[in-house]
Amino acid sequence: MARCHSCGNDYARSFEVTKAGRSYTFDCFECAIHVLAPECAHCGVKILGHGVEADREMFCCSHCARHSGVRGSVDHVQQSPPA
């Protein structure tokens, strides 16, 4: 059994994640996300997908990037069907 890096739980089905050469042990994905996922530079939410990277900062979406001064970032915009 191995102890979770986040919560300290000693769990038989723990797993290991290596990021940037450093190894971490977790008992669930929730704990792994809590420790390893980047946070949005604008709103602080944990980024689980690709997010938006600009000026060496990570944002959860283009909305947050724009509110932080990033120009030209757009989220998916639904277009009207052709006539």
PDB file of N, CA and C in Angstrom:
ATOM      1  N   MET A   1       0.840  -1.180   0.000  1.00  0.00           N
ATOM      2  CA  MET A   1       0.000   0.000   0.000  1.00  0.00           C
ATOM      3  C   MET A   1       0.883   1.241   0.000  1.00  0.00           C
ATOM      4  N   ALA A   2       0.318   2.316  -0.528  1.00  0.00           N
ATOM      5  CA  ALA A   2       1.082   3.559  -0.601  1.00  0.00           C
ATOM      6  C   ALA A   2       0.220   4.731  -0.159  1.00  0.00           C
ATOM      7  N   ARG A   3       0.859   5.692   0.448  1.00  0.00           N
ATOM      8  CA  ARG A   3       0.164   6.858   1.003  1.00  0.00           C
ATOM      9  C   ARG A   3      -0.029   7.940  -0.064  1.00  0.00           C
ATOM     10  N   CYS A   4      -1.257   8.491  -0.122  1.00  0.00           N
ATOM     11  CA  CYS A   4      -1.599   9.536  -1.084  1.00  0.00           C
ATOM     12  C   CYS A   4      -0.857  10.828  -0.765  1.00  0.00           C
ATOM     13  N   HIS A   5      -0.264  11.421  -1.795  1.00  0.00           N
ATOM     14  CA  HIS A   5       0.485  12.675  -1.654  1.00  0.00           C
ATOM     15  C   HIS A   5      -0.413  13.824  -1.206  1.00  0.00           C
ATOM     16  N   SER A   6      -1.701  13.760  -1.547  1.00  0.00           N
ATOM     17  CA  SER A   6      -2.617  14.859  -1.238  1.00  0.00           C
ATOM     18  C   SER A   6      -3.297  14.701   0.117  1.00  0.00           C
ATOM     19  N   CYS A   7      -3.972  13.584   0.317  1.00  0.00           N
ATOM     20  CA  CYS A   7      -4.804  13.431   1.528  1.00  0.00           C
ATOM     21  C   CYS A   7      -4.188  12.543   2.594  1.00  0.00           C
ATOM     22  N   GLY A   8      -3.134  11.799   2.249  1.00  0.00           N
ATOM     23  CA  GLY A   8      -2.472  10.945   3.226  1.00  0.00           C
ATOM     24  C   GLY A   8      -3.083   9.568   3.405  1.00  0.00           C
ATOM     25  N   ASN A   9      -4.140   9.266   2.648  1.00  0.00           N
ATOM     26  CA  ASN A   9      -4.788   7.962   2.738  1.00  0.00           C
ATOM     27  C   ASN A   9      -3.826   6.862   2.308  1.00  0.00           C
ATOM     28  N   ASP A  10      -3.756   5.796   3.081  1.00  0.00           N
ATOM     29  CA  ASP A  10      -2.932   4.637   2.760  1.00  0.00           C
ATOM     30  C   ASP A  10      -3.842   3.641   2.042  1.00  0.00           C
ATOM     31  N   TYR A  11      -3.677   3.502   0.734  1.00  0.00           N
ATOM     32  CA  TYR A  11      -4.661   2.816  -0.104  1.00  0.00           C
ATOM     33  C   TYR A  11      -4.010   1.725  -0.939  1.00  0.00           C
ATOM     34  N   ALA A  12      -4.631   0.557  -0.988  1.00  0.00           N
ATOM     35  CA  ALA A  12      -4.081  -0.582  -1.713  1.00  0.00           C
ATOM     36  C   ALA A  12      -4.075  -0.369  -3.228  1.00  0.00           C
ATOM     37  N   ARG A  13      -4.972   0.447  -3.736  1.00  0.00           N
ATOM     38  CA  ARG A  13      -5.074   0.665  -5.190  1.00  0.00           C
ATOM     39  C   ARG A  13      -4.580   2.052  -5.599  1.00  0.00           C
ATOM     40  N   SER A  14      -3.599   2.548  -4.905  1.00  0.00           N
ATOM     41  CA  SER A  14      -3.036   3.847  -5.250  1.00  0.00           C
ATOM     42  C   SER A  14      -2.311   3.749  -6.589  1.00  0.00           C
ATOM     43  N   PHE A  15      -2.021   4.895  -7.178  1.00  0.00           N
ATOM     44  CA  PHE A  15      -1.304   4.934  -8.455  1.00  0.00           C
ATOM     45  C   PHE A  15      -0.280   6.061  -8.412  1.00  0.00           C
ATOM     46  N   GLU A  16       0.685   5.976  -9.300  1.00  0.00           N
ATOM     47  CA  GLU A  16       1.771   6.946  -9.331  1.00  0.00           C
ATOM     48  C   GLU A  16       1.704   7.771 -10.607  1.00  0.00           C
ATOM     49  N   VAL A  17       1.960   9.062 -10.487  1.00  0.00           N
ATOM     50  CA  VAL A  17       2.019   9.978 -11.626  1.00  0.00           C
ATOM     51  C   VAL A  17       3.367  10.676 -11.566  1.00  0.00           C
ATOM     52  N   THR A  18       4.024  10.756 -12.718  1.00  0.00           N
ATOM     53  CA  THR A  18       5.287  11.473 -12.805  1.00  0.00           C
ATOM     54  C   THR A  18       5.080  12.712 -13.656  1.00  0.00           C
ATOM     55  N   LYS A  19       5.457  13.864 -13.119  1.00  0.00           N
ATOM     56  CA  LYS A  19       5.336  15.135 -13.833  1.00  0.00           C
ATOM     57  C   LYS A  19       6.647  15.891 -13.664  1.00  0.00           C
ATOM     58  N   ALA A  20       7.231  16.262 -14.782  1.00  0.00           N
ATOM     59  CA  ALA A  20       8.493  17.013 -14.784  1.00  0.00           C
ATOM     60  C   ALA A  20       9.567  16.327 -13.942  1.00  0.00           C
ATOM     61  N   GLY A  21       9.622  14.997 -14.041  1.00  0.00           N
ATOM     62  CA  GLY A  21      10.645  14.232 -13.348  1.00  0.00           C
ATOM     63  C   GLY A  21      10.376  13.962 -11.882  1.00  0.00           C
ATOM     64  N   ARG A  22       9.259  14.437 -11.354  1.00  0.00           N
ATOM     65  CA  ARG A  22       8.918  14.207  -9.947  1.00  0.00           C
ATOM     66  C   ARG A  22       7.738  13.247  -9.858  1.00  0.00           C
ATOM     67  N   SER A  23       7.823  12.261  -8.984  1.00  0.00           N
ATOM     68  CA  SER A  23       6.764  11.262  -8.843  1.00  0.00           C
ATOM     69  C   SER A  23       5.863  11.565  -7.656  1.00  0.00           C
ATOM     70  N   TYR A  24       4.565  11.315  -7.856  1.00  0.00           N
ATOM     71  CA  TYR A  24       3.543  11.524  -6.836  1.00  0.00           C
ATOM     72  C   TYR A  24       2.700  10.267  -6.747  1.00  0.00           C
ATOM     73  N   THR A  25       2.219   9.951  -5.573  1.00  0.00           N
ATOM     74  CA  THR A  25       1.314   8.821  -5.372  1.00  0.00           C
ATOM     75  C   THR A  25      -0.041   9.369  -4.950  1.00  0.00           C
ATOM     76  N   PHE A  26      -1.106   8.842  -5.564  1.00  0.00           N
ATOM     77  CA  PHE A  26      -2.459   9.297  -5.270  1.00  0.00           C
ATOM     78  C   PHE A  26      -3.380   8.103  -5.070  1.00  0.00           C
ATOM     79  N   ASP A  27      -4.447   8.334  -4.313  1.00  0.00           N
ATOM     80  CA  ASP A  27      -5.440   7.286  -4.121  1.00  0.00           C
ATOM     81  C   ASP A  27      -6.640   7.464  -5.035  1.00  0.00           C
ATOM     82  N   CYS A  28      -6.764   8.626  -5.701  1.00  0.00           N
ATOM     83  CA  CYS A  28      -7.872   8.878  -6.626  1.00  0.00           C
ATOM     84  C   CYS A  28      -7.500  10.028  -7.560  1.00  0.00           C
ATOM     85  N   PHE A  29      -8.254  10.145  -8.653  1.00  0.00           N
ATOM     86  CA  PHE A  29      -7.997  11.232  -9.599  1.00  0.00           C
ATOM     87  C   PHE A  29      -8.295  12.590  -8.981  1.00  0.00           C
ATOM     88  N   GLU A  30      -9.259  12.663  -8.093  1.00  0.00           N
ATOM     89  CA  GLU A  30      -9.578  13.934  -7.441  1.00  0.00           C
ATOM     90  C   GLU A  30      -8.354  14.507  -6.727  1.00  0.00           C
ATOM     91  N   CYS A  31      -7.649  13.669  -5.995  1.00  0.00           N
ATOM     92  CA  CYS A  31      -6.439  14.130  -5.305  1.00  0.00           C
ATOM     93  C   CYS A  31      -5.352  14.519  -6.301  1.00  0.00           C
ATOM     94  N   ALA A  32      -5.216  13.762  -7.395  1.00  0.00           N
ATOM     95  CA  ALA A  32      -4.218  14.089  -8.415  1.00  0.00           C
ATOM     96  C   ALA A  32      -4.522  15.448  -9.035  1.00  0.00           C
ATOM     97  N   ILE A  33      -5.779  15.710  -9.329  1.00  0.00           N
ATOM     98  CA  ILE A  33      -6.184  16.995  -9.895  1.00  0.00           C
ATOM     99  C   ILE A  33      -5.888  18.117  -8.911  1.00  0.00           C
ATOM    100  N   HIS A  34      -6.215  17.906  -7.665  1.00  0.00           N
ATOM    101  CA  HIS A  34      -6.004  18.929  -6.641  1.00  0.00           C
ATOM    102  C   HIS A  34      -4.533  19.358  -6.578  1.00  0.00           C
ATOM    103  N   VAL A  35      -3.635  18.397  -6.710  1.00  0.00           N
ATOM    104  CA  VAL A  35      -2.199  18.684  -6.588  1.00  0.00           C
ATOM    105  C   VAL A  35      -1.569  19.130  -7.912  1.00  0.00           C
ATOM    106  N   LEU A  36      -1.940  18.494  -9.024  1.00  0.00           N
ATOM    107  CA  LEU A  36      -1.193  18.678 -10.265  1.00  0.00           C
ATOM    108  C   LEU A  36      -1.813  19.596 -11.313  1.00  0.00           C
ATOM    109  N   ALA A  37      -3.127  19.768 -11.312  1.00  0.00           N
ATOM    110  CA  ALA A  37      -3.755  20.570 -12.362  1.00  0.00           C
ATOM    111  C   ALA A  37      -3.416  22.046 -12.181  1.00  0.00           C
ATOM    112  N   PRO A  38      -3.120  22.723 -13.285  1.00  0.00           N
ATOM    113  CA  PRO A  38      -2.852  24.161 -13.184  1.00  0.00           C
ATOM    114  C   PRO A  38      -4.134  24.917 -12.847  1.00  0.00           C
ATOM    115  N   GLU A  39      -3.988  26.122 -12.303  1.00  0.00           N
ATOM    116  CA  GLU A  39      -5.137  26.964 -11.978  1.00  0.00           C
ATOM    117  C   GLU A  39      -5.211  28.123 -12.963  1.00  0.00           C
ATOM    118  N   CYS A  40      -6.424  28.524 -13.287  1.00  0.00           N
ATOM    119  CA  CYS A  40      -6.651  29.666 -14.156  1.00  0.00           C
ATOM    120  C   CYS A  40      -6.094  30.922 -13.483  1.00  0.00           C
ATOM    121  N   ALA A  41      -5.309  31.682 -14.228  1.00  0.00           N
ATOM    122  CA  ALA A  41      -4.702  32.908 -13.689  1.00  0.00           C
ATOM    123  C   ALA A  41      -5.736  33.984 -13.403  1.00  0.00           C
ATOM    124  N   HIS A  42      -6.927  33.854 -13.971  1.00  0.00           N
ATOM    125  CA  HIS A  42      -7.968  34.864 -13.751  1.00  0.00           C
ATOM    126  C   HIS A  42      -8.940  34.458 -12.648  1.00  0.00           C
ATOM    127  N   CYS A  43      -9.543  33.268 -12.758  1.00  0.00           N
ATOM    128  CA  CYS A  43     -10.607  32.891 -11.814  1.00  0.00           C
ATOM    129  C   CYS A  43     -10.191  31.839 -10.794  1.00  0.00           C
ATOM    130  N   GLY A  44      -9.050  31.185 -11.007  1.00  0.00           N
ATOM    131  CA  GLY A  44      -8.546  30.227 -10.042  1.00  0.00           C
ATOM    132  C   GLY A  44      -9.067  28.807 -10.168  1.00  0.00           C
ATOM    133  N   VAL A  45      -9.956  28.545 -11.131  1.00  0.00           N
ATOM    134  CA  VAL A  45     -10.501  27.197 -11.296  1.00  0.00           C
ATOM    135  C   VAL A  45      -9.386  26.256 -11.776  1.00  0.00           C
ATOM    136  N   LYS A  46      -9.460  24.983 -11.380  1.00  0.00           N
ATOM    137  CA  LYS A  46      -8.497  23.992 -11.855  1.00  0.00           C
ATOM    138  C   LYS A  46      -8.767  23.715 -13.334  1.00  0.00           C
ATOM    139  N   ILE A  47      -7.726  23.683 -14.139  1.00  0.00           N
ATOM    140  CA  ILE A  47      -7.852  23.468 -15.579  1.00  0.00           C
ATOM    141  C   ILE A  47      -7.663  21.980 -15.866  1.00  0.00           C
ATOM    142  N   LEU A  48      -8.717  21.328 -16.349  1.00  0.00           N
ATOM    143  CA  LEU A  48      -8.657  19.894 -16.609  1.00  0.00           C
ATOM    144  C   LEU A  48      -8.415  19.569 -18.073  1.00  0.00           C
ATOM    145  N   GLY A  49      -8.659  20.515 -18.950  1.00  0.00           N
ATOM    146  CA  GLY A  49      -8.427  20.312 -20.377  1.00  0.00           C
ATOM    147  C   GLY A  49      -7.201  21.064 -20.825  1.00  0.00           C
ATOM    148  N   HIS A  50      -7.211  21.453 -22.090  1.00  0.00           N
ATOM    149  CA  HIS A  50      -6.067  22.172 -22.644  1.00  0.00           C
ATOM    150  C   HIS A  50      -5.970  23.601 -22.131  1.00  0.00           C
ATOM    151  N   GLY A  51      -7.099  24.251 -21.912  1.00  0.00           N
ATOM    152  CA  GLY A  51      -7.069  25.630 -21.465  1.00  0.00           C
ATOM    153  C   GLY A  51      -6.478  26.542 -22.518  1.00  0.00           C
ATOM    154  N   VAL A  52      -6.138  27.737 -22.109  1.00  0.00           N
ATOM    155  CA  VAL A  52      -5.545  28.742 -22.996  1.00  0.00           C
ATOM    156  C   VAL A  52      -4.263  29.225 -22.329  1.00  0.00           C
ATOM    157  N   GLU A  53      -3.172  29.169 -23.073  1.00  0.00           N
ATOM    158  CA  GLU A  53      -1.901  29.645 -22.540  1.00  0.00           C
ATOM    159  C   GLU A  53      -1.497  30.904 -23.290  1.00  0.00           C
ATOM    160  N   ALA A  54      -1.215  31.957 -22.534  1.00  0.00           N
ATOM    161  CA  ALA A  54      -0.791  33.218 -23.144  1.00  0.00           C
ATOM    162  C   ALA A  54       0.127  33.947 -22.174  1.00  0.00           C
ATOM    163  N   ASP A  55       1.192  34.492 -22.694  1.00  0.00           N
ATOM    164  CA  ASP A  55       2.141  35.246 -21.877  1.00  0.00           C
ATOM    165  C   ASP A  55       2.588  34.453 -20.638  1.00  0.00           C
ATOM    166  N   ARG A  56       2.821  33.161 -20.830  1.00  0.00           N
ATOM    167  CA  ARG A  56       3.295  32.258 -19.771  1.00  0.00           C
ATOM    168  C   ARG A  56       2.291  32.077 -18.630  1.00  0.00           C
ATOM    169  N   GLU A  57       1.025  32.366 -18.894  1.00  0.00           N
ATOM    170  CA  GLU A  57      -0.028  32.145 -17.909  1.00  0.00           C
ATOM    171  C   GLU A  57      -1.043  31.181 -18.503  1.00  0.00           C
ATOM    172  N   MET A  58      -1.722  30.442 -17.624  1.00  0.00           N
ATOM    173  CA  MET A  58      -2.753  29.502 -18.052  1.00  0.00           C
ATOM    174  C   MET A  58      -4.120  30.047 -17.664  1.00  0.00           C
ATOM    175  N   PHE A  59      -5.071  29.888 -18.579  1.00  0.00           N
ATOM    176  CA  PHE A  59      -6.447  30.307 -18.346  1.00  0.00           C
ATOM    177  C   PHE A  59      -7.364  29.138 -18.682  1.00  0.00           C
ATOM    178  N   CYS A  60      -8.493  29.069 -17.997  1.00  0.00           N
ATOM    179  CA  CYS A  60      -9.429  27.967 -18.245  1.00  0.00           C
ATOM    180  C   CYS A  60     -10.169  28.150 -19.560  1.00  0.00           C
ATOM    181  N   CYS A  61     -10.312  29.393 -20.025  1.00  0.00           N
ATOM    182  CA  CYS A  61     -11.054  29.665 -21.253  1.00  0.00           C
ATOM    183  C   CYS A  61     -10.630  31.026 -21.818  1.00  0.00           C
ATOM    184  N   SER A  62     -11.080  31.286 -23.019  1.00  0.00           N
ATOM    185  CA  SER A  62     -10.758  32.565 -23.657  1.00  0.00           C
ATOM    186  C   SER A  62     -11.391  33.738 -22.938  1.00  0.00           C
ATOM    187  N   HIS A  63     -12.554  33.531 -22.365  1.00  0.00           N
ATOM    188  CA  HIS A  63     -13.223  34.596 -21.602  1.00  0.00           C
ATOM    189  C   HIS A  63     -12.288  35.119 -20.501  1.00  0.00           C
ATOM    190  N   CYS A  64     -11.723  34.206 -19.719  1.00  0.00           N
ATOM    191  CA  CYS A  64     -10.810  34.608 -18.643  1.00  0.00           C
ATOM    192  C   CYS A  64      -9.529  35.219 -19.197  1.00  0.00           C
ATOM    193  N   ALA A  65      -9.040  34.672 -20.306  1.00  0.00           N
ATOM    194  CA  ALA A  65      -7.831  35.230 -20.919  1.00  0.00           C
ATOM    195  C   ALA A  65      -8.071  36.673 -21.346  1.00  0.00           C
ATOM    196  N   ARG A  66      -9.218  36.927 -21.996  1.00  0.00           N
ATOM    197  CA  ARG A  66      -9.526  38.293 -22.436  1.00  0.00           C
ATOM    198  C   ARG A  66      -9.672  39.244 -21.249  1.00  0.00           C
ATOM    199  N   HIS A  67     -10.291  38.776 -20.171  1.00  0.00           N
ATOM    200  CA  HIS A  67     -10.457  39.622 -18.989  1.00  0.00           C
ATOM    201  C   HIS A  67      -9.114  39.937 -18.331  1.00  0.00           C
ATOM    202  N   SER A  68      -8.100  39.159 -18.660  1.00  0.00           N
ATOM    203  CA  SER A  68      -6.762  39.413 -18.130  1.00  0.00           C
ATOM    204  C   SER A  68      -5.883  40.158 -19.125  1.00  0.00           C
ATOM    205  N   GLY A  69      -6.490  40.629 -20.208  1.00  0.00           N
ATOM    206  CA  GLY A  69      -5.763  41.447 -21.165  1.00  0.00           C
ATOM    207  C   GLY A  69      -5.227  40.737 -22.383  1.00  0.00           C
ATOM    208  N   VAL A  70      -5.497  39.447 -22.526  1.00  0.00           N
ATOM    209  CA  VAL A  70      -5.027  38.709 -23.705  1.00  0.00           C
ATOM    210  C   VAL A  70      -5.922  39.081 -24.886  1.00  0.00           C
ATOM    211  N   ARG A  71      -5.311  39.506 -25.957  1.00  0.00           N
ATOM    212  CA  ARG A  71      -6.074  39.895 -27.142  1.00  0.00           C
ATOM    213  C   ARG A  71      -6.143  38.741 -28.140  1.00  0.00           C
ATOM    214  N   GLY A  72      -7.284  38.646 -28.825  1.00  0.00           N
ATOM    215  CA  GLY A  72      -7.418  37.683 -29.914  1.00  0.00           C
ATOM    216  C   GLY A  72      -7.834  36.284 -29.503  1.00  0.00           C
ATOM    217  N   SER A  73      -7.998  36.016 -28.251  1.00  0.00           N
ATOM    218  CA  SER A  73      -8.401  34.685 -27.817  1.00  0.00           C
ATOM    219  C   SER A  73      -9.926  34.559 -27.910  1.00  0.00           C
ATOM    220  N   VAL A  74     -10.391  33.524 -28.591  1.00  0.00           N
ATOM    221  CA  VAL A  74     -11.833  33.321 -28.732  1.00  0.00           C
ATOM    222  C   VAL A  74     -12.194  31.878 -28.420  1.00  0.00           C
ATOM    223  N   ASP A  75     -13.325  31.707 -27.757  1.00  0.00           N
ATOM    224  CA  ASP A  75     -13.876  30.377 -27.539  1.00  0.00           C
ATOM    225  C   ASP A  75     -14.627  29.970 -28.796  1.00  0.00           C
ATOM    226  N   HIS A  76     -15.061  28.744 -28.864  1.00  0.00           N
ATOM    227  CA  HIS A  76     -15.851  28.266 -29.994  1.00  0.00           C
ATOM    228  C   HIS A  76     -17.092  29.137 -30.142  1.00  0.00           C
ATOM    229  N   VAL A  77     -17.304  29.640 -31.324  1.00  0.00           N
ATOM    230  CA  VAL A  77     -18.459  30.485 -31.593  1.00  0.00           C
ATOM    231  C   VAL A  77     -19.311  29.781 -32.648  1.00  0.00           C
ATOM    232  N   GLN A  78     -20.575  29.561 -32.304  1.00  0.00           N
ATOM    233  CA  GLN A  78     -21.473  28.907 -33.252  1.00  0.00           C
ATOM    234  C   GLN A  78     -21.843  29.888 -34.329  1.00  0.00           C
ATOM    235  N   GLN A  79     -21.672  29.464 -35.570  1.00  0.00           N
ATOM    236  CA  GLN A  79     -22.008  30.323 -36.698  1.00  0.00           C
ATOM    237  C   GLN A  79     -23.382  29.940 -37.224  1.00  0.00           C
ATOM    238  N   SER A  80     -24.039  30.915 -37.827  1.00  0.00           N
ATOM    239  CA  SER A  80     -25.342  30.659 -38.428  1.00  0.00           C
ATOM    240  C   SER A  80     -25.150  29.750 -39.626  1.00  0.00           C
ATOM    241  N   PRO A  81     -26.102  28.826 -39.858  1.00  0.00           N
ATOM    242  CA  PRO A  81     -25.978  27.947 -41.028  1.00  0.00           C
ATOM    243  C   PRO A  81     -26.084  28.775 -42.310  1.00  0.00           C
ATOM    244  N   PRO A  82     -25.426  28.329 -43.360  1.00  0.00           N
ATOM    245  CA  PRO A  82     -25.473  29.078 -44.629  1.00  0.00           C
ATOM    246  C   PRO A  82     -26.915  29.142 -45.130  1.00  0.00           C
ATOM    247  N   ALA A  83     -27.245  30.249 -45.794  1.00  0.00           N
ATOM    248  CA  ALA A  83     -28.609  30.438 -46.311  1.00  0.00           C
ATOM    249  C   ALA A  83     -28.818  29.703 -47.600  1.00  0.00           C
TER     250      ALA A  83
END
